[in-house]
Amino acid sequence: MSQIDLLVKNGRIIDPTNGVDTVADIAVNDGIILSIDNNIQFQAKETFDAGGCLVTPGLIDCHVHCYQYSTPLGINPDEHCLSRGVTTIVDGGSAGASTFQGLRRYIADRSKTRVLAFLHIAQHGLAAAGCASGAPGGELDSLNVVTVDDCAKCILENRDMIVGVKVRLSDSIADNGKNEAEAYRRALLAAKKADVPIMVHHTMSTVKTQVDNDDPTELGCPRDLRPGDLYTHTFHPYRSCIVDPDTLTIYSDVIEAKKRGVLYDVGHGQGSFGWTVAEICARTQFYPDTISTDLHSGNHIGPAYDLPIVMSKFLHLGMPLVDVIRAVTSTPAKAIGWGSRIGCLTPGKEADITVLKLKEGRFPMEDCQSQVRVLDKIFKPVAVWRAGNSHLITEPTPFPNLEAMSQNSREWDNILVKDKARPVVK
């Protein structure tokens, strides 16, 4: 072979799947990784010098909402994910069995970003999520649309794209909590029937985080999750928080679930990441298994911004660099059953590659309640290739976004685990 398509040179390659952390070059041809070595002799049509940068597998964001125009939350995956170094996203339940084909045809098939999905247990997904202008109610107000067989059937017929089941446990979207436990039970059954993991959103819920009894009929979250299931919005500070607001320690059910293989996902979102909760967890090295944004129309201008920003927050919290990279590459890939295809830099695999620079300085960064910490370094994406094709990197919204912060600080009185002083947004 006289010439290859792409040569990425001189970068520090971090590939947790293959146990690689070294400076080397990557050769790519026809969209496939050809070789990784520190003495590649091929001539390349495109050469990128990644000196001083981190070269990682294409980033995976396992919780995004991209069903644009069909749900109140949808964002464009190429504009907000691929342009920030994310090559694969997993939509977090925007579509249900009745609306899934629209997500495939009009979003996934038309996007350069690889789009996978968790299927919502409610047939209409988040089309009626009650997220527009703070409208009350949501997708679980009627159990008539929460059907185990339809959900499992849709998953089994679309396993090339659907990776699991999604359910949101919040009383405000489930007839004031009346339907939560039953919807949860049905979602667990659908996941078992389709033999896939479940991702559970658990905030301000009637389903308890800590269940201090032996009643087999009372469901707990995370107590009743199985190994490999994902608990998202792990670091939110409201009712149903994983931290006991009285003792400021992590509930024992949460710790036991992690020990048996339940995966904890960030799902930063617009209201689901609190610095105080995350700092309490970090003191005992209770870090997330997967780092995700829950990116949607209400938070891409802050406080979530993009995946590299959310990664930066956990680096600031003391999570080791390699573990941060693992949480956006190999772990989410394995969690969704795609570990043999994505999340790695393996010769013979599709060339999804991200180049990141660790930028040093002083970066004030807000959480979802307008509490601020000053980071001394952030991840800045500088290049990305999806299946060997390069894509333009864009700049995020300037942070911190004071306008978004002023709106988020209104939730202060509802926060259970928080700083002693209310943040002042100037």
Protein backbone atom coordinates (compact mmCIF):
# COMPACT_ATOMS: atom_id res chain seq x y z
CA MET A 1 0.00 0.00 0.00
CA SER A 2 1.65 3.23 -1.15
CA GLN A 3 -0.67 5.70 0.55
CA ILE A 4 -3.22 5.69 3.36
CA ASP A 5 -6.07 8.09 4.07
CA LEU A 6 -5.09 9.38 7.53
CA LEU A 7 -2.15 9.45 9.91
CA VAL A 8 -2.65 10.79 13.45
CA LYS A 9 0.85 11.41 14.83
CA ASN A 10 2.60 12.01 18.13
CA GLY A 11 -0.42 11.91 20.43
CA ARG A 12 -0.72 10.26 23.82
CA ILE A 13 -3.05 7.38 23.01
CA ILE A 14 -5.32 6.35 25.88
CA ASP A 15 -7.34 3.25 25.07
CA PRO A 16 -8.60 1.57 28.27
CA THR A 17 -10.12 -1.37 26.37
CA ASN A 18 -6.70 -2.48 25.15
CA GLY A 19 -4.74 -1.22 28.16
CA VAL A 20 -2.88 1.33 26.02
CA ASP A 21 -1.43 4.56 27.40
CA THR A 22 1.51 5.57 25.23
CA VAL A 23 2.70 8.06 22.63
CA ALA A 24 2.26 6.57 19.17
CA ASP A 25 0.77 7.08 15.71
CA ILE A 26 -2.48 5.75 14.24
CA ALA A 27 -2.82 4.79 10.57
CA VAL A 28 -6.32 4.78 9.03
CA ASN A 29 -7.46 3.63 5.60
CA ASP A 30 -10.95 3.18 4.14
CA GLY A 31 -12.48 4.18 7.47
CA ILE A 32 -10.70 1.37 9.35
CA ILE A 33 -7.81 1.53 11.83
CA LEU A 34 -4.89 -0.06 10.00
CA SER A 35 -2.19 0.01 12.67
CA ILE A 36 -0.98 1.71 15.85
CA ASP A 37 2.77 2.09 16.20
CA ASN A 38 5.47 4.65 16.89
CA ASN A 39 7.21 4.05 13.59
CA ILE A 40 4.55 4.08 10.87
CA GLN A 41 6.11 4.54 7.43
CA PHE A 42 3.00 5.07 5.29
CA GLN A 43 2.45 8.24 3.32
CA ALA A 44 -0.95 9.76 4.14
CA LYS A 45 -3.43 11.94 2.29
CA GLU A 46 -4.18 13.65 5.62
CA THR A 47 -1.74 13.97 8.51
CA PHE A 48 -2.74 15.35 11.89
CA ASP A 49 -0.06 16.19 14.47
CA ALA A 50 -1.56 15.43 17.88
CA GLY A 51 1.59 16.31 19.80
CA GLY A 52 0.74 17.45 23.33
CA CYS A 53 -2.80 16.04 23.03
CA LEU A 54 -4.73 12.99 24.15
CA VAL A 55 -5.90 10.62 21.43
CA THR A 56 -8.83 8.48 22.51
CA PRO A 57 -11.45 6.22 21.00
CA GLY A 58 -14.36 8.25 19.68
CA LEU A 59 -16.25 9.49 22.74
CA ILE A 60 -19.54 7.82 23.66
CA ASP A 61 -22.33 9.79 25.34
CA CYS A 62 -24.75 7.17 26.63
CA HIS A 63 -27.51 9.62 27.64
CA VAL A 64 -28.64 12.24 25.12
CA HIS A 65 -32.02 13.38 23.78
CA CYS A 66 -31.87 13.78 20.00
CA TYR A 67 -35.43 13.23 18.75
CA GLN A 68 -35.49 16.78 17.42
CA TYR A 69 -38.88 18.36 16.55
CA SER A 70 -40.78 15.29 17.77
CA THR A 71 -40.12 15.80 21.48
CA PRO A 72 -39.66 18.98 23.55
CA LEU A 73 -36.10 17.93 24.42
CA GLY A 74 -34.54 16.97 21.08
CA ILE A 75 -31.23 18.44 19.87
CA ASN A 76 -29.29 17.92 16.64
CA PRO A 77 -26.64 15.23 17.32
CA ASP A 78 -24.17 16.44 14.69
CA GLU A 79 -24.31 20.06 15.85
CA HIS A 80 -24.08 19.36 19.58
CA CYS A 81 -22.27 16.02 19.89
CA LEU A 82 -20.08 15.13 16.90
CA SER A 83 -18.84 18.72 16.71
CA ARG A 84 -17.62 18.32 20.31
CA GLY A 85 -15.75 15.05 19.79
CA VAL A 86 -18.58 12.58 20.44
CA THR A 87 -18.88 9.92 17.73
CA THR A 88 -21.60 7.76 19.30
CA ILE A 89 -24.66 8.81 21.28
CA VAL A 90 -27.39 6.79 22.92
CA ASP A 91 -30.75 8.50 22.99
CA GLY A 92 -32.22 8.18 26.47
CA GLY A 93 -35.77 7.09 25.82
CA SER A 94 -37.07 9.87 23.59
CA ALA A 95 -38.93 7.25 21.54
CA GLY A 96 -41.24 4.45 22.59
CA ALA A 97 -42.50 1.48 20.60
CA SER A 98 -45.05 3.58 18.71
CA THR A 99 -42.63 6.37 17.77
CA PHE A 100 -39.31 4.57 17.37
CA GLN A 101 -39.31 4.28 13.58
CA GLY A 102 -39.36 8.08 13.32
CA LEU A 103 -36.22 8.28 15.46
CA ARG A 104 -34.52 5.79 13.17
CA ARG A 105 -35.66 7.24 9.84
CA TYR A 106 -35.48 10.97 10.50
CA ILE A 107 -32.65 11.21 13.05
CA ALA A 108 -30.34 8.17 13.10
CA ASP A 109 -30.35 7.51 9.36
CA ARG A 110 -29.68 11.19 8.58
CA SER A 111 -26.96 11.81 11.17
CA LYS A 112 -23.21 11.47 10.77
CA THR A 113 -23.07 10.73 14.49
CA ARG A 114 -23.78 7.08 15.29
CA VAL A 115 -27.18 7.14 17.03
CA LEU A 116 -28.30 4.24 19.24
CA ALA A 117 -31.22 4.25 21.66
CA PHE A 118 -32.79 3.15 24.90
CA LEU A 119 -36.49 2.52 24.19
CA HIS A 120 -38.94 4.15 26.56
CA ILE A 121 -41.36 1.81 28.31
CA ALA A 122 -44.18 4.26 27.42
CA GLN A 123 -45.28 3.73 23.83
CA HIS A 124 -45.09 7.43 22.91
CA GLY A 125 -41.75 8.02 24.64
CA LEU A 126 -41.13 11.65 25.52
CA ALA A 127 -43.44 13.16 22.90
CA ALA A 128 -45.69 14.15 25.81
CA ALA A 129 -43.05 14.53 28.48
CA GLY A 130 -44.51 17.66 30.04
CA CYS A 131 -41.19 19.41 29.49
CA ALA A 132 -42.43 22.39 27.46
CA SER A 133 -42.71 25.59 29.52
CA GLY A 134 -42.88 23.61 32.74
CA ALA A 135 -46.15 21.93 31.79
CA PRO A 136 -47.38 19.47 34.44
CA GLY A 137 -47.72 15.76 33.83
CA GLY A 138 -45.78 13.40 31.66
CA GLU A 139 -45.46 10.13 29.82
CA LEU A 140 -46.51 7.85 32.68
CA ASP A 141 -49.78 9.60 33.59
CA SER A 142 -51.66 6.66 32.06
CA LEU A 143 -50.55 3.05 32.44
CA ASN A 144 -52.52 2.18 29.30
CA VAL A 145 -49.46 3.19 27.24
CA VAL A 146 -46.96 1.29 29.41
CA THR A 147 -46.96 -2.11 27.73
CA VAL A 148 -44.34 -4.78 28.34
CA ASP A 149 -44.96 -6.87 25.21
CA ASP A 150 -44.92 -3.93 22.78
CA CYS A 151 -41.70 -2.59 24.28
CA ALA A 152 -39.93 -5.97 24.19
CA LYS A 153 -41.15 -6.70 20.65
CA CYS A 154 -39.87 -3.36 19.32
CA ILE A 155 -36.48 -3.96 20.94
CA LEU A 156 -36.11 -7.45 19.52
CA GLU A 157 -37.04 -6.24 16.04
CA ASN A 158 -34.52 -3.39 16.17
CA ARG A 159 -31.50 -4.76 18.03
CA ASP A 160 -29.16 -3.10 15.53
CA MET A 161 -30.08 0.23 17.14
CA ILE A 162 -31.93 -0.32 20.43
CA VAL A 163 -29.66 -1.19 23.35
CA GLY A 164 -32.04 -1.24 26.31
CA VAL A 165 -35.16 0.01 28.10
CA LYS A 166 -35.61 3.47 29.64
CA VAL A 167 -38.01 4.56 32.37
CA ARG A 168 -38.24 7.86 34.24
CA LEU A 169 -39.14 7.61 37.92
CA SER A 170 -40.35 11.05 39.02
CA ASP A 171 -43.72 11.56 40.66
CA SER A 172 -44.53 14.63 38.56
CA ILE A 173 -44.66 12.64 35.31
CA ALA A 174 -46.53 9.61 36.69
CA ASP A 175 -49.93 10.91 37.87
CA ASN A 176 -48.37 12.44 40.99
CA GLY A 177 -46.51 9.25 41.75
CA LYS A 178 -49.47 6.87 41.56
CA ASN A 179 -48.06 5.04 38.53
CA GLU A 180 -44.35 5.07 39.30
CA ALA A 181 -43.89 1.70 40.97
CA GLU A 182 -46.02 -0.13 38.40
CA ALA A 183 -44.27 1.56 35.46
CA TYR A 184 -40.93 0.59 37.03
CA ARG A 185 -42.08 -3.00 37.46
CA ARG A 186 -43.18 -3.18 33.82
CA ALA A 187 -39.93 -1.64 32.58
CA LEU A 188 -37.94 -4.25 34.51
CA LEU A 189 -40.09 -7.00 32.98
CA ALA A 190 -39.62 -5.63 29.45
CA ALA A 191 -35.85 -5.47 29.90
CA LYS A 192 -35.80 -9.04 31.19
CA LYS A 193 -38.01 -10.25 28.34
CA ALA A 194 -35.81 -8.60 25.69
CA ASP A 195 -32.60 -9.55 27.54
CA VAL A 196 -31.27 -5.98 27.61
CA PRO A 197 -30.24 -3.55 30.36
CA ILE A 198 -32.53 -0.88 31.73
CA MET A 199 -31.59 2.75 32.30
CA VAL A 200 -33.55 4.30 35.16
CA HIS A 201 -33.95 8.04 35.73
CA HIS A 202 -34.60 8.35 39.49
CA THR A 203 -35.28 11.85 40.82
CA MET A 204 -37.96 13.19 43.17
CA SER A 205 -39.62 9.79 43.15
CA THR A 206 -42.01 7.83 45.33
CA VAL A 207 -39.78 4.79 44.71
CA LYS A 208 -37.32 4.78 47.60
CA THR A 209 -33.55 5.01 47.21
CA GLN A 210 -33.06 3.20 50.51
CA VAL A 211 -35.51 0.41 51.40
CA ASP A 212 -35.13 -0.53 55.05
CA ASN A 213 -37.48 -3.50 55.16
CA ASP A 214 -37.78 -7.02 53.80
CA ASP A 215 -41.10 -6.48 52.01
CA PRO A 216 -40.60 -8.24 48.65
CA THR A 217 -43.51 -6.30 47.12
CA GLU A 218 -41.86 -2.89 47.61
CA LEU A 219 -39.56 -1.97 44.75
CA GLY A 220 -36.44 0.05 45.44
CA CYS A 221 -34.15 1.92 43.12
CA PRO A 222 -31.33 0.92 42.88
CA ARG A 223 -32.11 -2.11 45.08
CA ASP A 224 -34.08 -3.94 42.39
CA LEU A 225 -31.74 -3.20 39.50
CA ARG A 226 -29.74 -6.07 38.03
CA PRO A 227 -26.01 -6.25 37.28
CA GLY A 228 -25.42 -4.24 34.11
CA ASP A 229 -28.45 -1.99 34.57
CA LEU A 230 -27.78 1.76 34.59
CA TYR A 231 -28.85 4.21 37.28
CA THR A 232 -28.72 7.68 35.74
CA HIS A 233 -28.73 11.16 37.33
CA THR A 234 -26.52 9.71 40.06
CA PHE A 235 -25.40 13.05 41.50
CA HIS A 236 -28.65 15.02 41.66
CA PRO A 237 -29.28 16.77 45.02
CA TYR A 238 -33.07 16.51 45.36
CA ARG A 239 -35.45 14.04 46.95
CA SER A 240 -34.38 10.49 45.97
CA CYS A 241 -30.71 11.56 46.10
CA ILE A 242 -28.16 8.77 46.67
CA VAL A 243 -26.80 10.72 49.66
CA ASP A 244 -28.71 10.70 52.95
CA PRO A 245 -29.39 14.42 53.63
CA ASP A 246 -29.23 13.83 57.39
CA THR A 247 -25.91 12.00 57.60
CA LEU A 248 -24.38 13.23 54.31
CA THR A 249 -23.28 9.68 53.54
CA ILE A 250 -24.14 7.43 50.59
CA TYR A 251 -27.07 5.11 51.25
CA SER A 252 -26.11 1.46 51.81
CA ASP A 253 -28.49 0.24 49.08
CA VAL A 254 -26.57 2.40 46.60
CA ILE A 255 -23.21 0.99 47.65
CA GLU A 256 -24.48 -2.60 47.64
CA ALA A 257 -25.92 -2.15 44.14
CA LYS A 258 -22.56 -0.93 42.86
CA LYS A 259 -20.85 -3.96 44.38
CA ARG A 260 -23.16 -6.33 42.54
CA GLY A 261 -22.62 -4.63 39.17
CA VAL A 262 -25.22 -1.89 38.79
CA LEU A 263 -23.66 0.92 36.72
CA TYR A 264 -23.89 4.53 37.88
CA ASP A 265 -24.28 7.07 35.09
CA VAL A 266 -23.91 10.84 35.42
CA GLY A 267 -26.80 12.08 33.24
CA HIS A 268 -25.82 15.68 34.09
CA GLY A 269 -28.85 17.32 32.51
CA GLN A 270 -30.39 20.61 33.54
CA GLY A 271 -31.02 19.67 37.16
CA SER A 272 -29.24 16.40 37.86
CA PHE A 273 -25.68 17.29 38.87
CA GLY A 274 -24.84 18.95 42.18
CA TRP A 275 -21.29 19.79 43.20
CA THR A 276 -22.03 19.08 46.87
CA VAL A 277 -23.34 15.57 46.22
CA ALA A 278 -20.51 14.76 43.82
CA GLU A 279 -17.89 15.96 46.32
CA ILE A 280 -19.36 13.80 49.08
CA CYS A 281 -19.18 10.80 46.75
CA ALA A 282 -15.65 11.62 45.58
CA ARG A 283 -14.34 11.55 49.16
CA THR A 284 -14.91 7.79 49.16
CA GLN A 285 -13.91 7.34 45.48
CA PHE A 286 -17.54 6.71 44.53
CA TYR A 287 -17.09 7.82 40.94
CA PRO A 288 -19.44 7.18 38.01
CA ASP A 289 -19.05 4.15 35.79
CA THR A 290 -20.25 6.12 32.77
CA ILE A 291 -20.08 9.88 32.20
CA SER A 292 -22.93 11.30 30.15
CA THR A 293 -24.55 14.67 29.54
CA ASP A 294 -28.30 14.05 29.28
CA LEU A 295 -27.86 16.75 26.64
CA HIS A 296 -31.11 18.31 25.48
CA SER A 297 -32.68 21.56 24.32
CA GLY A 298 -32.72 22.99 27.83
CA ASN A 299 -29.08 22.49 28.84
CA HIS A 300 -26.74 22.61 25.83
CA ILE A 301 -26.20 26.33 26.58
CA GLY A 302 -25.49 25.41 30.20
CA PRO A 303 -25.10 23.89 32.66
CA ALA A 304 -24.23 20.66 30.77
CA TYR A 305 -22.78 22.28 27.60
CA ASP A 306 -21.18 19.13 26.12
CA LEU A 307 -19.50 15.86 27.07
CA PRO A 308 -15.92 17.21 27.41
CA ILE A 309 -17.17 19.80 29.93
CA VAL A 310 -18.92 17.14 32.01
CA MET A 311 -15.76 15.02 31.85
CA SER A 312 -13.80 18.03 33.12
CA LYS A 313 -15.97 18.23 36.22
CA PHE A 314 -15.08 14.69 37.23
CA LEU A 315 -11.39 15.24 36.55
CA HIS A 316 -11.67 18.20 38.94
CA LEU A 317 -13.31 15.93 41.52
CA GLY A 318 -10.23 13.70 41.55
CA MET A 319 -11.33 10.95 39.18
CA PRO A 320 -8.13 9.62 37.56
CA LEU A 321 -7.61 10.68 33.95
CA VAL A 322 -7.63 7.15 32.54
CA ASP A 323 -10.85 6.39 34.44
CA VAL A 324 -12.50 9.50 33.01
CA ILE A 325 -11.59 8.32 29.50
CA ARG A 326 -12.78 4.80 30.33
CA ALA A 327 -16.16 6.22 31.43
CA VAL A 328 -16.76 7.70 27.96
CA THR A 329 -15.29 4.87 25.88
CA SER A 330 -14.91 1.25 26.97
CA THR A 331 -17.41 1.14 29.84
CA PRO A 332 -20.40 2.62 27.99
CA ALA A 333 -19.55 0.51 24.94
CA LYS A 334 -19.67 -2.66 27.02
CA ALA A 335 -22.75 -1.50 28.95
CA ILE A 336 -24.80 -1.22 25.76
CA GLY A 337 -23.48 -4.44 24.24
CA TRP A 338 -21.26 -2.75 21.66
CA GLY A 339 -17.91 -3.43 23.34
CA SER A 340 -16.59 -5.42 20.38
CA ARG A 341 -17.32 -2.61 17.92
CA ILE A 342 -16.80 0.82 19.50
CA GLY A 343 -15.02 2.46 22.42
CA CYS A 344 -11.59 1.14 21.40
CA LEU A 345 -8.69 1.84 19.05
CA THR A 346 -8.17 -1.65 17.69
CA PRO A 347 -6.70 -2.40 14.25
CA GLY A 348 -9.45 -3.70 12.01
CA LYS A 349 -12.17 -1.69 13.79
CA GLU A 350 -13.97 1.38 12.49
CA ALA A 351 -11.87 4.52 12.94
CA ASP A 352 -13.79 6.59 15.48
CA ILE A 353 -11.08 8.82 16.96
CA THR A 354 -11.17 11.89 19.20
CA VAL A 355 -8.28 14.24 19.97
CA LEU A 356 -8.50 16.23 23.21
CA LYS A 357 -6.26 18.87 24.72
CA LEU A 358 -6.09 19.43 28.46
CA LYS A 359 -6.28 23.20 28.69
CA GLU A 360 -4.96 24.73 31.91
CA GLY A 361 -6.20 27.92 33.55
CA ARG A 362 -9.01 29.07 35.85
CA PHE A 363 -12.44 27.97 34.72
CA PRO A 364 -15.46 28.81 36.91
CA MET A 365 -17.96 26.02 36.31
CA GLU A 366 -21.52 25.85 37.58
CA ASP A 367 -23.57 22.82 38.53
CA CYS A 368 -27.30 22.55 37.88
CA GLN A 369 -28.16 24.64 40.93
CA SER A 370 -25.74 27.51 40.13
CA GLN A 371 -23.15 26.43 42.69
CA VAL A 372 -19.71 27.17 41.24
CA ARG A 373 -16.32 25.53 41.51
CA VAL A 374 -13.13 26.74 39.81
CA LEU A 375 -11.49 24.08 37.64
CA ASP A 376 -7.77 24.30 36.84
CA LYS A 377 -8.04 22.30 33.62
CA ILE A 378 -10.68 21.33 31.11
CA PHE A 379 -10.91 18.95 28.17
CA LYS A 380 -10.96 20.81 24.87
CA PRO A 381 -11.77 18.77 21.74
CA VAL A 382 -9.51 19.66 18.83
CA ALA A 383 -10.24 16.96 16.22
CA VAL A 384 -12.65 14.11 15.57
CA TRP A 385 -13.03 11.37 12.96
CA ARG A 386 -16.14 9.24 12.58
CA ALA A 387 -15.43 6.11 10.52
CA GLY A 388 -12.27 7.80 9.26
CA ASN A 389 -14.04 10.98 8.11
CA SER A 390 -13.02 14.23 9.79
CA HIS A 391 -15.63 16.63 11.14
CA LEU A 392 -15.48 20.25 12.21
CA ILE A 393 -14.98 20.99 15.90
CA THR A 394 -17.01 23.94 17.17
CA GLU A 395 -16.78 26.04 20.33
CA PRO A 396 -19.32 25.55 23.13
CA THR A 397 -21.47 28.28 24.63
CA PRO A 398 -19.23 30.51 26.81
CA PHE A 399 -19.34 29.38 30.42
CA PRO A 400 -20.55 29.98 33.00
CA ASN A 401 -23.82 31.05 31.38
CA LEU A 402 -25.17 33.60 33.85
CA GLU A 403 -28.61 33.70 32.28
CA ALA A 404 -29.05 29.95 32.66
CA MET A 405 -27.61 30.13 36.18
CA SER A 406 -30.14 32.76 37.28
CA GLN A 407 -32.96 30.44 36.21
CA ASN A 408 -31.48 27.33 37.84
CA SER A 409 -30.84 29.06 41.18
CA ARG A 410 -34.60 29.38 41.67
CA GLU A 411 -34.67 25.70 42.68
CA TRP A 412 -32.54 26.35 45.77
CA ASP A 413 -35.27 25.74 48.35
CA ASN A 414 -36.01 22.27 46.92
CA ILE A 415 -32.40 21.07 47.17
CA LEU A 416 -31.68 18.64 50.01
CA VAL A 417 -27.89 18.29 49.70
CA LYS A 418 -26.21 21.62 48.94
CA ASP A 419 -23.64 24.20 49.97
CA LYS A 420 -24.30 26.19 53.14
CA ALA A 421 -24.61 29.50 51.31
CA ARG A 422 -27.02 30.21 48.48
CA PRO A 423 -25.11 31.09 45.29
CA VAL A 424 -25.16 34.72 44.20
CA VAL A 425 -25.52 35.07 40.43
CA LYS A 426 -24.21 38.43 39.24
